Amino acid sequence: MTGEFKMSTQEVIDRIKALESTKEINGIIDERGKYIYITPKELESVKNYIVSKGRVARSDLIAECNRLIKLKPEMILA
């Protein structure tokens, strides 16, 4: 068991896959095996970029995603 939630790595992977399959979360796994959550707002921004540009080179898309997707979570104050 690891982490704050006392879940095994496999349990976490299974839970992430289940949440993605129900469209409750979206994200990617980076080259280190870390899950990067992509907010609906970020996903919409990427979609709008692609739609506005039409054809997009992979390098341009990567650069734009690096600009649009925040790697550090923001605190939400209620």
PDB file of N, CA and C in Angstrom:
ATOM      1  N   MET A   1       0.845  -1.185   0.000  1.00  0.00           N
ATOM      2  CA  MET A   1       0.000   0.000   0.000  1.00  0.00           C
ATOM      3  C   MET A   1       0.888   1.245   0.000  1.00  0.00           C
ATOM      4  N   THR A   2       0.438   2.216  -0.764  1.00  0.00           N
ATOM      5  CA  THR A   2       1.212   3.445  -0.850  1.00  0.00           C
ATOM      6  C   THR A   2       0.303   4.650  -0.715  1.00  0.00           C
ATOM      7  N   GLY A   3       0.902   5.725  -0.297  1.00  0.00           N
ATOM      8  CA  GLY A   3       0.238   7.016  -0.327  1.00  0.00           C
ATOM      9  C   GLY A   3      -0.834   7.245   0.725  1.00  0.00           C
ATOM     10  N   GLU A   4      -1.397   8.402   0.613  1.00  0.00           N
ATOM     11  CA  GLU A   4      -2.385   8.899   1.562  1.00  0.00           C
ATOM     12  C   GLU A   4      -3.652   8.055   1.592  1.00  0.00           C
ATOM     13  N   PHE A   5      -4.017   7.443   0.481  1.00  0.00           N
ATOM     14  CA  PHE A   5      -5.263   6.691   0.402  1.00  0.00           C
ATOM     15  C   PHE A   5      -5.093   5.204   0.663  1.00  0.00           C
ATOM     16  N   LYS A   6      -3.864   4.799   0.964  1.00  0.00           N
ATOM     17  CA  LYS A   6      -3.570   3.405   1.287  1.00  0.00           C
ATOM     18  C   LYS A   6      -4.084   2.453   0.203  1.00  0.00           C
ATOM     19  N   MET A   7      -3.717   2.764  -1.036  1.00  0.00           N
ATOM     20  CA  MET A   7      -4.080   1.942  -2.187  1.00  0.00           C
ATOM     21  C   MET A   7      -2.800   1.462  -2.849  1.00  0.00           C
ATOM     22  N   SER A   8      -2.846   0.260  -3.392  1.00  0.00           N
ATOM     23  CA  SER A   8      -1.697  -0.229  -4.149  1.00  0.00           C
ATOM     24  C   SER A   8      -1.624   0.513  -5.474  1.00  0.00           C
ATOM     25  N   THR A   9      -0.459   0.459  -6.104  1.00  0.00           N
ATOM     26  CA  THR A   9      -0.290   1.114  -7.404  1.00  0.00           C
ATOM     27  C   THR A   9      -1.306   0.572  -8.404  1.00  0.00           C
ATOM     28  N   GLN A  10      -1.500  -0.729  -8.412  1.00  0.00           N
ATOM     29  CA  GLN A  10      -2.450  -1.322  -9.355  1.00  0.00           C
ATOM     30  C   GLN A  10      -3.875  -0.860  -9.082  1.00  0.00           C
ATOM     31  N   GLU A  11      -4.241  -0.704  -7.813  1.00  0.00           N
ATOM     32  CA  GLU A  11      -5.582  -0.205  -7.476  1.00  0.00           C
ATOM     33  C   GLU A  11      -5.771   1.222  -7.989  1.00  0.00           C
ATOM     34  N   VAL A  12      -4.729   2.035  -7.888  1.00  0.00           N
ATOM     35  CA  VAL A  12      -4.801   3.412  -8.384  1.00  0.00           C
ATOM     36  C   VAL A  12      -4.968   3.407  -9.905  1.00  0.00           C
ATOM     37  N   ILE A  13      -4.175   2.588 -10.595  1.00  0.00           N
ATOM     38  CA  ILE A  13      -4.278   2.488 -12.050  1.00  0.00           C
ATOM     39  C   ILE A  13      -5.671   2.046 -12.458  1.00  0.00           C
ATOM     40  N   ASP A  14      -6.192   1.036 -11.785  1.00  0.00           N
ATOM     41  CA  ASP A  14      -7.539   0.542 -12.093  1.00  0.00           C
ATOM     42  C   ASP A  14      -8.590   1.620 -11.854  1.00  0.00           C
ATOM     43  N   ARG A  15      -8.435   2.385 -10.788  1.00  0.00           N
ATOM     44  CA  ARG A  15      -9.401   3.445 -10.469  1.00  0.00           C
ATOM     45  C   ARG A  15      -9.349   4.559 -11.517  1.00  0.00           C
ATOM     46  N   ILE A  16      -8.144   4.925 -11.927  1.00  0.00           N
ATOM     47  CA  ILE A  16      -7.996   5.952 -12.965  1.00  0.00           C
ATOM     48  C   ILE A  16      -8.645   5.483 -14.258  1.00  0.00           C
ATOM     49  N   LYS A  17      -8.387   4.243 -14.654  1.00  0.00           N
ATOM     50  CA  LYS A  17      -8.992   3.708 -15.877  1.00  0.00           C
ATOM     51  C   LYS A  17     -10.515   3.704 -15.783  1.00  0.00           C
ATOM     52  N   ALA A  18     -11.054   3.345 -14.615  1.00  0.00           N
ATOM     53  CA  ALA A  18     -12.507   3.333 -14.429  1.00  0.00           C
ATOM     54  C   ALA A  18     -13.075   4.746 -14.553  1.00  0.00           C
ATOM     55  N   LEU A  19     -12.413   5.728 -13.944  1.00  0.00           N
ATOM     56  CA  LEU A  19     -12.874   7.114 -14.022  1.00  0.00           C
ATOM     57  C   LEU A  19     -12.791   7.650 -15.450  1.00  0.00           C
ATOM     58  N   GLU A  20     -11.743   7.278 -16.178  1.00  0.00           N
ATOM     59  CA  GLU A  20     -11.629   7.706 -17.574  1.00  0.00           C
ATOM     60  C   GLU A  20     -12.703   7.058 -18.442  1.00  0.00           C
ATOM     61  N   SER A  21     -13.009   5.794 -18.171  1.00  0.00           N
ATOM     62  CA  SER A  21     -14.005   5.101 -19.001  1.00  0.00           C
ATOM     63  C   SER A  21     -15.400   5.703 -18.837  1.00  0.00           C
ATOM     64  N   THR A  22     -15.670   6.316 -17.690  1.00  0.00           N
ATOM     65  CA  THR A  22     -16.960   6.964 -17.471  1.00  0.00           C
ATOM     66  C   THR A  22     -16.902   8.465 -17.770  1.00  0.00           C
ATOM     67  N   LYS A  23     -15.757   8.900 -18.319  1.00  0.00           N
ATOM     68  CA  LYS A  23     -15.551  10.305 -18.698  1.00  0.00           C
ATOM     69  C   LYS A  23     -15.585  11.265 -17.511  1.00  0.00           C
ATOM     70  N   GLU A  24     -15.306  10.742 -16.311  1.00  0.00           N
ATOM     71  CA  GLU A  24     -15.272  11.609 -15.128  1.00  0.00           C
ATOM     72  C   GLU A  24     -13.956  12.377 -15.035  1.00  0.00           C
ATOM     73  N   ILE A  25     -12.879  11.817 -15.613  1.00  0.00           N
ATOM     74  CA  ILE A  25     -11.598  12.512 -15.679  1.00  0.00           C
ATOM     75  C   ILE A  25     -10.977  12.283 -17.050  1.00  0.00           C
ATOM     76  N   ASN A  26     -10.063  13.177 -17.422  1.00  0.00           N
ATOM     77  CA  ASN A  26      -9.274  13.049 -18.650  1.00  0.00           C
ATOM     78  C   ASN A  26      -7.834  13.335 -18.296  1.00  0.00           C
ATOM     79  N   GLY A  27      -6.931  12.607 -18.917  1.00  0.00           N
ATOM     80  CA  GLY A  27      -5.528  12.870 -18.660  1.00  0.00           C
ATOM     81  C   GLY A  27      -4.633  12.006 -19.502  1.00  0.00           C
ATOM     82  N   ILE A  28      -3.340  12.160 -19.252  1.00  0.00           N
ATOM     83  CA  ILE A  28      -2.330  11.371 -19.944  1.00  0.00           C
ATOM     84  C   ILE A  28      -1.300  10.918 -18.925  1.00  0.00           C
ATOM     85  N   ILE A  29      -0.547   9.904 -19.294  1.00  0.00           N
ATOM     86  CA  ILE A  29       0.559   9.452 -18.461  1.00  0.00           C
ATOM     87  C   ILE A  29       1.840   9.941 -19.114  1.00  0.00           C
ATOM     88  N   ASP A  30       2.669  10.650 -18.340  1.00  0.00           N
ATOM     89  CA  ASP A  30       3.899  11.202 -18.907  1.00  0.00           C
ATOM     90  C   ASP A  30       4.991  10.142 -18.993  1.00  0.00           C
ATOM     91  N   GLU A  31       6.153  10.558 -19.466  1.00  0.00           N
ATOM     92  CA  GLU A  31       7.257   9.616 -19.683  1.00  0.00           C
ATOM     93  C   GLU A  31       7.790   9.003 -18.385  1.00  0.00           C
ATOM     94  N   ARG A  32       7.461   9.585 -17.238  1.00  0.00           N
ATOM     95  CA  ARG A  32       7.895   9.036 -15.946  1.00  0.00           C
ATOM     96  C   ARG A  32       6.843   8.123 -15.328  1.00  0.00           C
ATOM     97  N   GLY A  33       5.690   7.997 -16.008  1.00  0.00           N
ATOM     98  CA  GLY A  33       4.615   7.180 -15.473  1.00  0.00           C
ATOM     99  C   GLY A  33       3.682   7.948 -14.552  1.00  0.00           C
ATOM    100  N   LYS A  34       3.790   9.254 -14.526  1.00  0.00           N
ATOM    101  CA  LYS A  34       2.927  10.102 -13.693  1.00  0.00           C
ATOM    102  C   LYS A  34       1.677  10.474 -14.477  1.00  0.00           C
ATOM    103  N   TYR A  35       0.538  10.453 -13.815  1.00  0.00           N
ATOM    104  CA  TYR A  35      -0.728  10.808 -14.455  1.00  0.00           C
ATOM    105  C   TYR A  35      -0.904  12.315 -14.398  1.00  0.00           C
ATOM    106  N   ILE A  36      -1.190  12.914 -15.539  1.00  0.00           N
ATOM    107  CA  ILE A  36      -1.436  14.352 -15.621  1.00  0.00           C
ATOM    108  C   ILE A  36      -2.909  14.545 -15.938  1.00  0.00           C
ATOM    109  N   TYR A  37      -3.646  15.084 -14.976  1.00  0.00           N
ATOM    110  CA  TYR A  37      -5.075  15.354 -15.139  1.00  0.00           C
ATOM    111  C   TYR A  37      -5.243  16.582 -16.022  1.00  0.00           C
ATOM    112  N   ILE A  38      -6.131  16.486 -16.992  1.00  0.00           N
ATOM    113  CA  ILE A  38      -6.428  17.599 -17.876  1.00  0.00           C
ATOM    114  C   ILE A  38      -7.853  18.056 -17.582  1.00  0.00           C
ATOM    115  N   THR A  39      -7.978  19.305 -17.158  1.00  0.00           N
ATOM    116  CA  THR A  39      -9.293  19.832 -16.803  1.00  0.00           C
ATOM    117  C   THR A  39     -10.155  19.969 -18.050  1.00  0.00           C
ATOM    118  N   PRO A  40     -11.465  19.987 -17.876  1.00  0.00           N
ATOM    119  CA  PRO A  40     -12.342  20.218 -19.034  1.00  0.00           C
ATOM    120  C   PRO A  40     -12.021  21.535 -19.749  1.00  0.00           C
ATOM    121  N   LYS A  41     -11.671  22.563 -18.996  1.00  0.00           N
ATOM    122  CA  LYS A  41     -11.334  23.858 -19.587  1.00  0.00           C
ATOM    123  C   LYS A  41     -10.064  23.753 -20.442  1.00  0.00           C
ATOM    124  N   GLU A  42      -9.056  23.033 -19.937  1.00  0.00           N
ATOM    125  CA  GLU A  42      -7.823  22.841 -20.695  1.00  0.00           C
ATOM    126  C   GLU A  42      -8.087  22.027 -21.962  1.00  0.00           C
ATOM    127  N   LEU A  43      -8.893  20.988 -21.831  1.00  0.00           N
ATOM    128  CA  LEU A  43      -9.236  20.148 -22.975  1.00  0.00           C
ATOM    129  C   LEU A  43      -9.967  20.955 -24.039  1.00  0.00           C
ATOM    130  N   GLU A  44     -10.877  21.801 -23.611  1.00  0.00           N
ATOM    131  CA  GLU A  44     -11.610  22.676 -24.533  1.00  0.00           C
ATOM    132  C   GLU A  44     -10.660  23.648 -25.230  1.00  0.00           C
ATOM    133  N   SER A  45      -9.677  24.166 -24.503  1.00  0.00           N
ATOM    134  CA  SER A  45      -8.697  25.081 -25.091  1.00  0.00           C
ATOM    135  C   SER A  45      -7.868  24.387 -26.162  1.00  0.00           C
ATOM    136  N   VAL A  46      -7.462  23.149 -25.903  1.00  0.00           N
ATOM    137  CA  VAL A  46      -6.707  22.387 -26.903  1.00  0.00           C
ATOM    138  C   VAL A  46      -7.577  22.133 -28.132  1.00  0.00           C
ATOM    139  N   LYS A  47      -8.823  21.745 -27.904  1.00  0.00           N
ATOM    140  CA  LYS A  47      -9.756  21.511 -29.019  1.00  0.00           C
ATOM    141  C   LYS A  47      -9.927  22.770 -29.851  1.00  0.00           C
ATOM    142  N   ASN A  48     -10.137  23.903 -29.198  1.00  0.00           N
ATOM    143  CA  ASN A  48     -10.324  25.165 -29.916  1.00  0.00           C
ATOM    144  C   ASN A  48      -9.089  25.538 -30.735  1.00  0.00           C
ATOM    145  N   TYR A  49      -7.905  25.257 -30.186  1.00  0.00           N
ATOM    146  CA  TYR A  49      -6.671  25.529 -30.919  1.00  0.00           C
ATOM    147  C   TYR A  49      -6.625  24.699 -32.198  1.00  0.00           C
ATOM    148  N   ILE A  50      -6.923  23.415 -32.075  1.00  0.00           N
ATOM    149  CA  ILE A  50      -6.882  22.526 -33.242  1.00  0.00           C
ATOM    150  C   ILE A  50      -7.912  22.950 -34.276  1.00  0.00           C
ATOM    151  N   VAL A  51      -9.126  23.263 -33.823  1.00  0.00           N
ATOM    152  CA  VAL A  51     -10.193  23.677 -34.743  1.00  0.00           C
ATOM    153  C   VAL A  51      -9.813  24.978 -35.452  1.00  0.00           C
ATOM    154  N   SER A  52      -9.227  25.918 -34.722  1.00  0.00           N
ATOM    155  CA  SER A  52      -8.883  27.211 -35.326  1.00  0.00           C
ATOM    156  C   SER A  52      -7.740  27.101 -36.333  1.00  0.00           C
ATOM    157  N   LYS A  53      -6.841  26.144 -36.120  1.00  0.00           N
ATOM    158  CA  LYS A  53      -5.680  25.998 -36.998  1.00  0.00           C
ATOM    159  C   LYS A  53      -5.923  25.038 -38.158  1.00  0.00           C
ATOM    160  N   GLY A  54      -6.877  24.132 -38.005  1.00  0.00           N
ATOM    161  CA  GLY A  54      -7.059  23.115 -39.038  1.00  0.00           C
ATOM    162  C   GLY A  54      -5.994  22.046 -38.875  1.00  0.00           C
ATOM    163  N   ARG A  55      -5.155  21.906 -39.875  1.00  0.00           N
ATOM    164  CA  ARG A  55      -4.027  20.964 -39.764  1.00  0.00           C
ATOM    165  C   ARG A  55      -2.985  21.544 -38.813  1.00  0.00           C
ATOM    166  N   VAL A  56      -2.499  20.702 -37.920  1.00  0.00           N
ATOM    167  CA  VAL A  56      -1.524  21.154 -36.929  1.00  0.00           C
ATOM    168  C   VAL A  56      -0.358  20.176 -36.912  1.00  0.00           C
ATOM    169  N   ALA A  57       0.846  20.707 -36.995  1.00  0.00           N
ATOM    170  CA  ALA A  57       2.040  19.867 -36.875  1.00  0.00           C
ATOM    171  C   ALA A  57       2.155  19.377 -35.432  1.00  0.00           C
ATOM    172  N   ARG A  58       2.647  18.177 -35.285  1.00  0.00           N
ATOM    173  CA  ARG A  58       2.792  17.591 -33.949  1.00  0.00           C
ATOM    174  C   ARG A  58       3.606  18.497 -33.025  1.00  0.00           C
ATOM    175  N   SER A  59       4.697  19.050 -33.530  1.00  0.00           N
ATOM    176  CA  SER A  59       5.549  19.919 -32.701  1.00  0.00           C
ATOM    177  C   SER A  59       4.790  21.165 -32.244  1.00  0.00           C
ATOM    178  N   ASP A  60       3.950  21.722 -33.126  1.00  0.00           N
ATOM    179  CA  ASP A  60       3.146  22.892 -32.757  1.00  0.00           C
ATOM    180  C   ASP A  60       2.094  22.526 -31.713  1.00  0.00           C
ATOM    181  N   LEU A  61       1.482  21.351 -31.883  1.00  0.00           N
ATOM    182  CA  LEU A  61       0.474  20.902 -30.917  1.00  0.00           C
ATOM    183  C   LEU A  61       1.106  20.674 -29.546  1.00  0.00           C
ATOM    184  N   ILE A  62       2.269  20.069 -29.527  1.00  0.00           N
ATOM    185  CA  ILE A  62       2.967  19.839 -28.255  1.00  0.00           C
ATOM    186  C   ILE A  62       3.293  21.167 -27.573  1.00  0.00           C
ATOM    187  N   ALA A  63       3.789  22.116 -28.345  1.00  0.00           N
ATOM    188  CA  ALA A  63       4.112  23.432 -27.777  1.00  0.00           C
ATOM    189  C   ALA A  63       2.874  24.107 -27.211  1.00  0.00           C
ATOM    190  N   GLU A  64       1.765  24.035 -27.935  1.00  0.00           N
ATOM    191  CA  GLU A  64       0.522  24.660 -27.474  1.00  0.00           C
ATOM    192  C   GLU A  64      -0.016  23.952 -26.233  1.00  0.00           C
ATOM    193  N   CYS A  65       0.049  22.619 -26.198  1.00  0.00           N
ATOM    194  CA  CYS A  65      -0.396  21.867 -25.019  1.00  0.00           C
ATOM    195  C   CYS A  65       0.450  22.220 -23.805  1.00  0.00           C
ATOM    196  N   ASN A  66       1.755  22.387 -24.006  1.00  0.00           N
ATOM    197  CA  ASN A  66       2.627  22.784 -22.898  1.00  0.00           C
ATOM    198  C   ASN A  66       2.238  24.152 -22.360  1.00  0.00           C
ATOM    199  N   ARG A  67       1.728  24.999 -23.225  1.00  0.00           N
ATOM    200  CA  ARG A  67       1.286  26.326 -22.789  1.00  0.00           C
ATOM    201  C   ARG A  67      -0.081  26.270 -22.098  1.00  0.00           C
ATOM    202  N   LEU A  68      -0.978  25.440 -22.623  1.00  0.00           N
ATOM    203  CA  LEU A  68      -2.363  25.424 -22.141  1.00  0.00           C
ATOM    204  C   LEU A  68      -2.592  24.548 -20.904  1.00  0.00           C
ATOM    205  N   ILE A  69      -1.850  23.464 -20.793  1.00  0.00           N
ATOM    206  CA  ILE A  69      -2.095  22.502 -19.712  1.00  0.00           C
ATOM    207  C   ILE A  69      -1.137  22.792 -18.563  1.00  0.00           C
ATOM    208  N   LYS A  70      -1.713  23.074 -17.398  1.00  0.00           N
ATOM    209  CA  LYS A  70      -0.915  23.393 -16.216  1.00  0.00           C
ATOM    210  C   LYS A  70      -0.491  22.101 -15.519  1.00  0.00           C
ATOM    211  N   LEU A  71       0.786  22.003 -15.197  1.00  0.00           N
ATOM    212  CA  LEU A  71       1.275  20.803 -14.539  1.00  0.00           C
ATOM    213  C   LEU A  71       1.170  20.872 -13.029  1.00  0.00           C
ATOM    214  N   LYS A  72       0.950  22.074 -12.495  1.00  0.00           N
ATOM    215  CA  LYS A  72       0.786  22.216 -11.051  1.00  0.00           C
ATOM    216  C   LYS A  72      -0.658  22.575 -10.766  1.00  0.00           C
ATOM    217  N   PRO A  73      -1.288  21.847  -9.850  1.00  0.00           N
ATOM    218  CA  PRO A  73      -2.697  22.160  -9.538  1.00  0.00           C
ATOM    219  C   PRO A  73      -2.826  23.525  -8.885  1.00  0.00           C
ATOM    220  N   GLU A  74      -3.944  24.164  -9.139  1.00  0.00           N
ATOM    221  CA  GLU A  74      -4.229  25.466  -8.554  1.00  0.00           C
ATOM    222  C   GLU A  74      -5.159  25.290  -7.363  1.00  0.00           C
ATOM    223  N   MET A  75      -4.967  26.096  -6.356  1.00  0.00           N
ATOM    224  CA  MET A  75      -5.849  26.059  -5.198  1.00  0.00           C
ATOM    225  C   MET A  75      -7.140  26.776  -5.555  1.00  0.00           C
ATOM    226  N   ILE A  76      -8.241  26.169  -5.205  1.00  0.00           N
ATOM    227  CA  ILE A  76      -9.547  26.786  -5.421  1.00  0.00           C
ATOM    228  C   ILE A  76     -10.070  27.221  -4.059  1.00  0.00           C
ATOM    229  N   LEU A  77     -10.252  28.496  -3.900  1.00  0.00           N
ATOM    230  CA  LEU A  77     -10.729  29.036  -2.625  1.00  0.00           C
ATOM    231  C   LEU A  77     -12.225  29.291  -2.734  1.00  0.00           C
ATOM    232  N   ALA A  78     -12.956  28.744  -1.804  1.00  0.00           N
ATOM    233  CA  ALA A  78     -14.402  28.927  -1.827  1.00  0.00           C
ATOM    234  C   ALA A  78     -14.809  30.121  -1.013  1.00  0.00           C
TER     235      ALA A  78
END
